[in-house]
PDB file of N, CA and C in Angstrom:
ATOM      1  N   UNK A   1     -26.477   8.635  24.008  1.00  0.00           N
ATOM      2  CA  UNK A   1     -27.075   8.045  25.690  1.00  0.00           C
ATOM      3  C   UNK A   1     -26.195   7.387  25.577  1.00  0.00           C
ATOM      4  N   UNK A   2     -26.666   5.929  25.710  1.00  0.00           N
ATOM      5  CA  UNK A   2     -26.198   4.561  26.305  1.00  0.00           C
ATOM      6  C   UNK A   2     -24.957   4.902  26.189  1.00  0.00           C
ATOM      7  N   UNK A   3     -24.146   4.649  24.590  1.00  0.00           N
ATOM      8  CA  UNK A   3     -22.762   4.782  24.851  1.00  0.00           C
ATOM      9  C   UNK A   3     -21.983   5.593  25.854  1.00  0.00           C
ATOM     10  N   UNK A   4     -22.692   6.827  26.115  1.00  0.00           N
ATOM     11  CA  UNK A   4     -21.284   7.555  27.294  1.00  0.00           C
ATOM     12  C   UNK A   4     -21.617   6.707  28.056  1.00  0.00           C
ATOM     13  N   UNK A   5     -22.330   6.447  28.536  1.00  0.00           N
ATOM     14  CA  UNK A   5     -22.438   5.137  30.253  1.00  0.00           C
ATOM     15  C   UNK A   5     -22.230   3.996  29.389  1.00  0.00           C
ATOM     16  N   UNK A   6     -21.905   3.858  28.405  1.00  0.00           N
ATOM     17  CA  UNK A   6     -21.517   1.584  28.235  1.00  0.00           C
ATOM     18  C   UNK A   6     -20.375   1.815  28.570  1.00  0.00           C
ATOM     19  N   UNK A   7     -19.643   2.867  27.554  1.00  0.00           N
ATOM     20  CA  UNK A   7     -18.252   2.936  26.600  1.00  0.00           C
ATOM     21  C   UNK A   7     -17.068   3.129  27.394  1.00  0.00           C
ATOM     22  N   UNK A   8     -16.208   3.209  27.658  1.00  0.00           N
ATOM     23  CA  UNK A   8     -14.690   3.703  28.612  1.00  0.00           C
ATOM     24  C   UNK A   8     -14.048   2.932  28.451  1.00  0.00           C
ATOM     25  N   UNK A   9     -12.654   3.759  28.657  1.00  0.00           N
ATOM     26  CA  UNK A   9     -11.496   3.883  28.227  1.00  0.00           C
ATOM     27  C   UNK A   9     -10.679   3.037  29.421  1.00  0.00           C
ATOM     28  N   UNK A  10     -10.165   1.190  29.263  1.00  0.00           N
ATOM     29  CA  UNK A  10      -9.494   1.549  30.431  1.00  0.00           C
ATOM     30  C   UNK A  10      -8.435   1.703  30.441  1.00  0.00           C
ATOM     31  N   UNK A  11      -7.491   1.721  29.746  1.00  0.00           N
ATOM     32  CA  UNK A  11      -6.149   2.082  29.553  1.00  0.00           C
ATOM     33  C   UNK A  11      -5.804   3.611  29.166  1.00  0.00           C
ATOM     34  N   UNK A  12      -5.285   3.781  30.057  1.00  0.00           N
ATOM     35  CA  UNK A  12      -4.570   5.762  29.429  1.00  0.00           C
ATOM     36  C   UNK A  12      -3.603   5.602  27.532  1.00  0.00           C
ATOM     37  N   UNK A  13      -4.259   6.853  27.580  1.00  0.00           N
ATOM     38  CA  UNK A  13      -3.518   6.717  26.471  1.00  0.00           C
ATOM     39  C   UNK A  13      -2.675   7.252  26.561  1.00  0.00           C
ATOM     40  N   UNK A  14      -1.505   7.133  25.151  1.00  0.00           N
ATOM     41  CA  UNK A  14       0.036   6.956  24.953  1.00  0.00           C
ATOM     42  C   UNK A  14       0.201   7.518  23.334  1.00  0.00           C
ATOM     43  N   UNK A  15       1.467   8.254  23.601  1.00  0.00           N
ATOM     44  CA  UNK A  15       2.380   8.930  22.365  1.00  0.00           C
ATOM     45  C   UNK A  15       2.282   7.783  21.825  1.00  0.00           C
ATOM     46  N   UNK A  16       1.499   8.185  20.670  1.00  0.00           N
ATOM     47  CA  UNK A  16       1.814   7.382  19.219  1.00  0.00           C
ATOM     48  C   UNK A  16       3.429   7.520  18.458  1.00  0.00           C
ATOM     49  N   UNK A  17       3.858   6.457  17.575  1.00  0.00           N
ATOM     50  CA  UNK A  17       4.858   6.677  17.237  1.00  0.00           C
ATOM     51  C   UNK A  17       5.258   5.931  15.382  1.00  0.00           C
ATOM     52  N   UNK A  18       5.265   6.907  14.865  1.00  0.00           N
ATOM     53  CA  UNK A  18       5.427   6.929  13.416  1.00  0.00           C
ATOM     54  C   UNK A  18       6.010   6.880  13.057  1.00  0.00           C
ATOM     55  N   UNK A  19       6.621   5.565  12.460  1.00  0.00           N
ATOM     56  CA  UNK A  19       8.040   5.235  11.641  1.00  0.00           C
ATOM     57  C   UNK A  19       7.934   5.924   9.798  1.00  0.00           C
ATOM     58  N   UNK A  20       8.873   6.893  10.154  1.00  0.00           N
ATOM     59  CA  UNK A  20       9.130   7.445   8.151  1.00  0.00           C
ATOM     60  C   UNK A  20       8.881   6.466   7.745  1.00  0.00           C
ATOM     61  N   UNK A  21      10.134   4.629   7.491  1.00  0.00           N
ATOM     62  CA  UNK A  21       9.532   4.309   6.913  1.00  0.00           C
ATOM     63  C   UNK A  21       8.423   3.962   6.286  1.00  0.00           C
ATOM     64  N   UNK A  22       7.386   3.195   7.354  1.00  0.00           N
ATOM     65  CA  UNK A  22       6.359   2.786   7.100  1.00  0.00           C
ATOM     66  C   UNK A  22       5.235   3.810   6.502  1.00  0.00           C
ATOM     67  N   UNK A  23       4.945   5.368   6.622  1.00  0.00           N
ATOM     68  CA  UNK A  23       4.661   6.319   6.399  1.00  0.00           C
ATOM     69  C   UNK A  23       5.464   5.467   4.363  1.00  0.00           C
ATOM     70  N   UNK A  24       6.637   6.277   4.248  1.00  0.00           N
ATOM     71  CA  UNK A  24       6.925   5.803   2.928  1.00  0.00           C
ATOM     72  C   UNK A  24       6.859   5.189   2.189  1.00  0.00           C
ATOM     73  N   UNK A  25       6.721   3.478   2.638  1.00  0.00           N
ATOM     74  CA  UNK A  25       6.560   2.535   1.612  1.00  0.00           C
ATOM     75  C   UNK A  25       4.857   2.027   1.836  1.00  0.00           C
ATOM     76  N   UNK A  26       3.825   3.171   2.516  1.00  0.00           N
ATOM     77  CA  UNK A  26       2.551   3.076   2.082  1.00  0.00           C
ATOM     78  C   UNK A  26       2.759   4.308   1.019  1.00  0.00           C
ATOM     79  N   UNK A  27       3.138   5.292   1.004  1.00  0.00           N
ATOM     80  CA  UNK A  27       3.101   6.129  -0.302  1.00  0.00           C
ATOM     81  C   UNK A  27       3.313   5.383  -1.407  1.00  0.00           C
ATOM     82  N   UNK A  28       4.671   5.168  -1.503  1.00  0.00           N
ATOM     83  CA  UNK A  28       5.643   4.653  -3.029  1.00  0.00           C
ATOM     84  C   UNK A  28       4.458   3.586  -3.238  1.00  0.00           C
ATOM     85  N   UNK A  29       3.772   2.567  -2.211  1.00  0.00           N
ATOM     86  CA  UNK A  29       3.110   1.263  -2.172  1.00  0.00           C
ATOM     87  C   UNK A  29       1.680   2.112  -3.126  1.00  0.00           C
ATOM     88  N   UNK A  30       0.937   2.943  -2.469  1.00  0.00           N
ATOM     89  CA  UNK A  30      -0.079   3.666  -2.755  1.00  0.00           C
ATOM     90  C   UNK A  30       0.097   4.320  -4.428  1.00  0.00           C
ATOM     91  N   UNK A  31       1.112   5.490  -4.599  1.00  0.00           N
ATOM     92  CA  UNK A  31       0.986   5.691  -5.976  1.00  0.00           C
ATOM     93  C   UNK A  31       1.511   5.136  -6.956  1.00  0.00           C
ATOM     94  N   UNK A  32       2.554   3.826  -6.547  1.00  0.00           N
ATOM     95  CA  UNK A  32       2.879   3.164  -7.917  1.00  0.00           C
ATOM     96  C   UNK A  32       1.582   1.980  -7.904  1.00  0.00           C
ATOM     97  N   UNK A  33       0.666   1.350  -7.343  1.00  0.00           N
ATOM     98  CA  UNK A  33      -0.662   0.602  -7.688  1.00  0.00           C
ATOM     99  C   UNK A  33      -1.698   1.781  -8.428  1.00  0.00           C
ATOM    100  N   UNK A  34      -2.032   2.788  -7.816  1.00  0.00           N
ATOM    101  CA  UNK A  34      -2.920   4.200  -9.184  1.00  0.00           C
ATOM    102  C   UNK A  34      -1.981   3.880 -10.400  1.00  0.00           C
ATOM    103  N   UNK A  35      -0.959   3.930  -9.852  1.00  0.00           N
ATOM    104  CA  UNK A  35       0.134   4.602 -11.459  1.00  0.00           C
ATOM    105  C   UNK A  35      -0.438   3.117 -12.557  1.00  0.00           C
ATOM    106  N   UNK A  36      -0.193   1.842 -11.760  1.00  0.00           N
ATOM    107  CA  UNK A  36      -0.116   1.004 -12.492  1.00  0.00           C
ATOM    108  C   UNK A  36      -1.620   0.072 -13.140  1.00  0.00           C
ATOM    109  N   UNK A  37      -2.300   0.678 -12.331  1.00  0.00           N
ATOM    110  CA  UNK A  37      -3.582   0.770 -12.447  1.00  0.00           C
ATOM    111  C   UNK A  37      -4.197   2.092 -14.053  1.00  0.00           C
ATOM    112  N   UNK A  38      -3.654   2.682 -13.949  1.00  0.00           N
ATOM    113  CA  UNK A  38      -3.777   3.835 -14.757  1.00  0.00           C
ATOM    114  C   UNK A  38      -3.429   3.258 -16.078  1.00  0.00           C
ATOM    115  N   UNK A  39      -1.624   2.809 -16.274  1.00  0.00           N
ATOM    116  CA  UNK A  39      -1.408   2.103 -17.332  1.00  0.00           C
ATOM    117  C   UNK A  39      -2.188   0.797 -17.590  1.00  0.00           C
ATOM    118  N   UNK A  40      -2.335   0.282 -16.666  1.00  0.00           N
ATOM    119  CA  UNK A  40      -3.266  -1.018 -17.368  1.00  0.00           C
ATOM    120  C   UNK A  40      -4.436  -0.629 -18.204  1.00  0.00           C
ATOM    121  N   UNK A  41      -4.879   0.450 -17.686  1.00  0.00           N
ATOM    122  CA  UNK A  41      -5.912   0.780 -18.404  1.00  0.00           C
ATOM    123  C   UNK A  41      -5.704   1.253 -20.207  1.00  0.00           C
ATOM    124  N   UNK A  42      -4.609   2.133 -20.231  1.00  0.00           N
ATOM    125  CA  UNK A  42      -3.626   2.320 -20.998  1.00  0.00           C
ATOM    126  C   UNK A  42      -3.475   1.196 -21.979  1.00  0.00           C
ATOM    127  N   UNK A  43      -3.043   0.104 -21.199  1.00  0.00           N
ATOM    128  CA  UNK A  43      -2.660  -0.837 -21.596  1.00  0.00           C
ATOM    129  C   UNK A  43      -3.831  -1.941 -22.672  1.00  0.00           C
ATOM    130  N   UNK A  44      -4.888  -1.705 -22.188  1.00  0.00           N
ATOM    131  CA  UNK A  44      -6.416  -2.221 -22.321  1.00  0.00           C
ATOM    132  C   UNK A  44      -6.971  -1.998 -23.552  1.00  0.00           C
ATOM    133  N   UNK A  45      -6.826   0.120 -23.629  1.00  0.00           N
ATOM    134  CA  UNK A  45      -7.050   0.447 -24.451  1.00  0.00           C
ATOM    135  C   UNK A  45      -6.373   0.159 -25.895  1.00  0.00           C
ATOM    136  N   UNK A  46      -4.880   0.302 -25.518  1.00  0.00           N
ATOM    137  CA  UNK A  46      -3.906   0.203 -26.289  1.00  0.00           C
ATOM    138  C   UNK A  46      -4.402  -1.485 -27.667  1.00  0.00           C
ATOM    139  N   UNK A  47      -4.154  -1.972 -26.755  1.00  0.00           N
ATOM    140  CA  UNK A  47      -5.083  -3.574 -27.490  1.00  0.00           C
ATOM    141  C   UNK A  47      -6.333  -3.293 -28.176  1.00  0.00           C
ATOM    142  N   UNK A  48      -7.118  -2.348 -27.754  1.00  0.00           N
ATOM    143  CA  UNK A  48      -8.612  -2.737 -28.636  1.00  0.00           C
ATOM    144  C   UNK A  48      -8.346  -1.658 -29.698  1.00  0.00           C
ATOM    145  N   UNK A  49      -7.765  -0.683 -29.158  1.00  0.00           N
ATOM    146  CA  UNK A  49      -6.675   0.173 -31.028  1.00  0.00           C
ATOM    147  C   UNK A  49      -6.142  -0.432 -31.472  1.00  0.00           C
ATOM    148  N   UNK A  50      -5.720  -1.402 -31.507  1.00  0.00           N
ATOM    149  CA  UNK A  50      -4.243  -1.834 -32.198  1.00  0.00           C
ATOM    150  C   UNK A  50      -3.321  -2.240 -31.845  1.00  0.00           C
ATOM    151  N   UNK A  51      -3.222  -1.129 -31.581  1.00  0.00           N
ATOM    152  CA  UNK A  51      -1.921  -0.426 -31.491  1.00  0.00           C
ATOM    153  C   UNK A  51      -0.077  -0.865 -30.924  1.00  0.00           C
ATOM    154  N   UNK A  52       0.902  -0.243 -31.127  1.00  0.00           N
ATOM    155  CA  UNK A  52       2.170  -1.279 -30.735  1.00  0.00           C
ATOM    156  C   UNK A  52       2.491  -1.070 -29.829  1.00  0.00           C
ATOM    157  N   UNK A  53       2.026  -0.251 -29.146  1.00  0.00           N
ATOM    158  CA  UNK A  53       2.915   0.842 -27.894  1.00  0.00           C
ATOM    159  C   UNK A  53       1.878  -0.062 -26.460  1.00  0.00           C
ATOM    160  N   UNK A  54       0.785  -1.577 -27.068  1.00  0.00           N
ATOM    161  CA  UNK A  54       0.238  -2.245 -26.076  1.00  0.00           C
ATOM    162  C   UNK A  54       1.413  -2.757 -25.380  1.00  0.00           C
ATOM    163  N   UNK A  55       2.556  -3.366 -26.107  1.00  0.00           N
ATOM    164  CA  UNK A  55       3.445  -4.207 -24.427  1.00  0.00           C
ATOM    165  C   UNK A  55       3.850  -3.729 -23.643  1.00  0.00           C
ATOM    166  N   UNK A  56       4.643  -2.137 -24.109  1.00  0.00           N
ATOM    167  CA  UNK A  56       5.038  -1.271 -23.233  1.00  0.00           C
ATOM    168  C   UNK A  56       3.994  -0.811 -22.137  1.00  0.00           C
ATOM    169  N   UNK A  57       2.878  -0.370 -22.343  1.00  0.00           N
ATOM    170  CA  UNK A  57       2.119   0.118 -21.679  1.00  0.00           C
ATOM    171  C   UNK A  57       2.072  -1.281 -20.867  1.00  0.00           C
ATOM    172  N   UNK A  58       1.872  -2.465 -21.074  1.00  0.00           N
ATOM    173  CA  UNK A  58       1.446  -3.733 -20.144  1.00  0.00           C
ATOM    174  C   UNK A  58       2.802  -4.166 -19.059  1.00  0.00           C
ATOM    175  N   UNK A  59       4.120  -3.498 -19.672  1.00  0.00           N
ATOM    176  CA  UNK A  59       5.309  -4.122 -19.473  1.00  0.00           C
ATOM    177  C   UNK A  59       5.445  -3.106 -17.772  1.00  0.00           C
ATOM    178  N   UNK A  60       4.914  -2.093 -18.190  1.00  0.00           N
ATOM    179  CA  UNK A  60       5.187  -0.561 -17.673  1.00  0.00           C
ATOM    180  C   UNK A  60       4.003  -0.513 -16.263  1.00  0.00           C
ATOM    181  N   UNK A  61       2.597  -0.780 -16.393  1.00  0.00           N
ATOM    182  CA  UNK A  61       1.806  -1.730 -15.236  1.00  0.00           C
ATOM    183  C   UNK A  61       2.116  -2.790 -14.570  1.00  0.00           C
ATOM    184  N   UNK A  62       2.589  -4.094 -15.069  1.00  0.00           N
ATOM    185  CA  UNK A  62       3.415  -5.226 -14.453  1.00  0.00           C
ATOM    186  C   UNK A  62       4.541  -4.217 -13.573  1.00  0.00           C
ATOM    187  N   UNK A  63       5.146  -3.712 -14.021  1.00  0.00           N
ATOM    188  CA  UNK A  63       6.558  -3.021 -12.797  1.00  0.00           C
ATOM    189  C   UNK A  63       5.821  -2.665 -11.923  1.00  0.00           C
ATOM    190  N   UNK A  64       5.641  -1.501 -11.970  1.00  0.00           N
ATOM    191  CA  UNK A  64       4.584  -0.692 -11.225  1.00  0.00           C
ATOM    192  C   UNK A  64       3.630  -1.731 -10.561  1.00  0.00           C
ATOM    193  N   UNK A  65       3.472  -2.692 -10.479  1.00  0.00           N
ATOM    194  CA  UNK A  65       2.457  -3.845  -9.515  1.00  0.00           C
ATOM    195  C   UNK A  65       3.213  -4.193  -8.805  1.00  0.00           C
ATOM    196  N   UNK A  66       4.633  -4.637  -9.326  1.00  0.00           N
ATOM    197  CA  UNK A  66       5.309  -5.066  -8.428  1.00  0.00           C
ATOM    198  C   UNK A  66       6.219  -4.063  -7.762  1.00  0.00           C
ATOM    199  N   UNK A  67       6.773  -3.042  -7.805  1.00  0.00           N
ATOM    200  CA  UNK A  67       7.239  -2.129  -6.877  1.00  0.00           C
ATOM    201  C   UNK A  67       6.112  -2.432  -5.460  1.00  0.00           C
ATOM    202  N   UNK A  68       4.764  -2.048  -6.327  1.00  0.00           N
ATOM    203  CA  UNK A  68       3.848  -2.107  -4.805  1.00  0.00           C
ATOM    204  C   UNK A  68       3.702  -2.612  -4.097  1.00  0.00           C
ATOM    205  N   UNK A  69       4.129  -4.432  -4.756  1.00  0.00           N
ATOM    206  CA  UNK A  69       4.122  -5.107  -3.926  1.00  0.00           C
ATOM    207  C   UNK A  69       4.883  -5.467  -3.121  1.00  0.00           C
ATOM    208  N   UNK A  70       5.756  -5.274  -3.969  1.00  0.00           N
ATOM    209  CA  UNK A  70       7.277  -5.319  -2.625  1.00  0.00           C
ATOM    210  C   UNK A  70       6.878  -3.941  -1.380  1.00  0.00           C
ATOM    211  N   UNK A  71       6.782  -3.052  -2.017  1.00  0.00           N
ATOM    212  CA  UNK A  71       6.454  -1.823  -1.251  1.00  0.00           C
ATOM    213  C   UNK A  71       5.286  -2.057   0.550  1.00  0.00           C
ATOM    214  N   UNK A  72       4.679  -3.141  -0.012  1.00  0.00           N
ATOM    215  CA  UNK A  72       3.698  -3.676   1.180  1.00  0.00           C
ATOM    216  C   UNK A  72       4.147  -4.491   1.420  1.00  0.00           C
ATOM    217  N   UNK A  73       4.833  -5.467   1.211  1.00  0.00           N
ATOM    218  CA  UNK A  73       5.894  -6.872   2.058  1.00  0.00           C
ATOM    219  C   UNK A  73       6.987  -5.308   3.232  1.00  0.00           C
ATOM    220  N   UNK A  74       7.300  -4.689   2.578  1.00  0.00           N
ATOM    221  CA  UNK A  74       8.582  -4.037   2.882  1.00  0.00           C
ATOM    222  C   UNK A  74       7.632  -3.453   4.252  1.00  0.00           C
ATOM    223  N   UNK A  75       6.096  -3.116   4.152  1.00  0.00           N
ATOM    224  CA  UNK A  75       5.752  -2.425   5.100  1.00  0.00           C
ATOM    225  C   UNK A  75       5.044  -3.564   6.318  1.00  0.00           C
ATOM    226  N   UNK A  76       4.899  -4.531   5.832  1.00  0.00           N
ATOM    227  CA  UNK A  76       4.450  -5.799   6.154  1.00  0.00           C
ATOM    228  C   UNK A  76       5.977  -6.428   7.293  1.00  0.00           C
ATOM    229  N   UNK A  77       6.087  -6.736   6.509  1.00  0.00           N
ATOM    230  CA  UNK A  77       7.556  -6.994   7.224  1.00  0.00           C
ATOM    231  C   UNK A  77       8.200  -6.362   8.266  1.00  0.00           C
ATOM    232  N   UNK A  78       7.646  -4.920   8.344  1.00  0.00           N
ATOM    233  CA  UNK A  78       9.086  -3.864   9.581  1.00  0.00           C
ATOM    234  C   UNK A  78       7.405  -3.806  11.085  1.00  0.00           C
ATOM    235  N   UNK A  79       6.248  -4.342   9.734  1.00  0.00           N
ATOM    236  CA  UNK A  79       4.985  -4.335  11.355  1.00  0.00           C
ATOM    237  C   UNK A  79       5.234  -5.883  12.200  1.00  0.00           C
ATOM    238  N   UNK A  80       5.651  -7.226  11.336  1.00  0.00           N
ATOM    239  CA  UNK A  80       5.710  -8.302  11.624  1.00  0.00           C
ATOM    240  C   UNK A  80       7.118  -8.280  12.803  1.00  0.00           C
ATOM    241  N   UNK A  81       7.905  -7.757  12.209  1.00  0.00           N
ATOM    242  CA  UNK A  81       9.091  -7.636  13.197  1.00  0.00           C
ATOM    243  C   UNK A  81       8.666  -7.071  14.736  1.00  0.00           C
ATOM    244  N   UNK A  82       8.225  -5.774  14.171  1.00  0.00           N
ATOM    245  CA  UNK A  82       8.256  -4.979  15.411  1.00  0.00           C
ATOM    246  C   UNK A  82       6.746  -5.927  16.537  1.00  0.00           C
ATOM    247  N   UNK A  83       5.962  -6.435  16.110  1.00  0.00           N
ATOM    248  CA  UNK A  83       5.082  -6.953  16.785  1.00  0.00           C
ATOM    249  C   UNK A  83       5.566  -7.647  17.327  1.00  0.00           C
ATOM    250  N   UNK A  84       6.838  -8.548  17.064  1.00  0.00           N
ATOM    251  CA  UNK A  84       7.398  -9.640  17.393  1.00  0.00           C
ATOM    252  C   UNK A  84       7.994  -9.982  18.771  1.00  0.00           C
ATOM    253  N   UNK A  85       9.043  -8.675  19.026  1.00  0.00           N
ATOM    254  CA  UNK A  85       9.795  -7.861  19.493  1.00  0.00           C
ATOM    255  C   UNK A  85       8.378  -7.566  20.873  1.00  0.00           C
ATOM    256  N   UNK A  86       6.782  -7.293  20.899  1.00  0.00           N
ATOM    257  CA  UNK A  86       6.656  -6.775  22.040  1.00  0.00           C
ATOM    258  C   UNK A  86       5.613  -8.529  22.458  1.00  0.00           C
ATOM    259  N   UNK A  87       6.164  -9.562  21.603  1.00  0.00           N
ATOM    260  CA  UNK A  87       5.547 -10.724  22.225  1.00  0.00           C
ATOM    261  C   UNK A  87       6.238 -11.595  22.862  1.00  0.00           C
ATOM    262  N   UNK A  88       7.873 -11.002  23.316  1.00  0.00           N
ATOM    263  CA  UNK A  88       8.757 -12.244  22.585  1.00  0.00           C
ATOM    264  C   UNK A  88       9.047 -11.070  24.480  1.00  0.00           C
TER     265      UNK A  88
END
């Protein structure tokens, strides 16, 4: 009840713009991160079982993690460039 009386919106609402590149970077980054965790778990299991495919699993996990980090950097870079335009 107190919130209804004390919280008010000062600025009017405006339409949000969603950049498809941002959505793509977030989706690719998230999927690669989840798959990297899965492959990392497979690598740990392979190492504990003495399997010879442990190196391959580890390399795949690292590559997927690097792709996820690159997607995050592209997303963050686009956001930083956009925010600088607002302040200049």
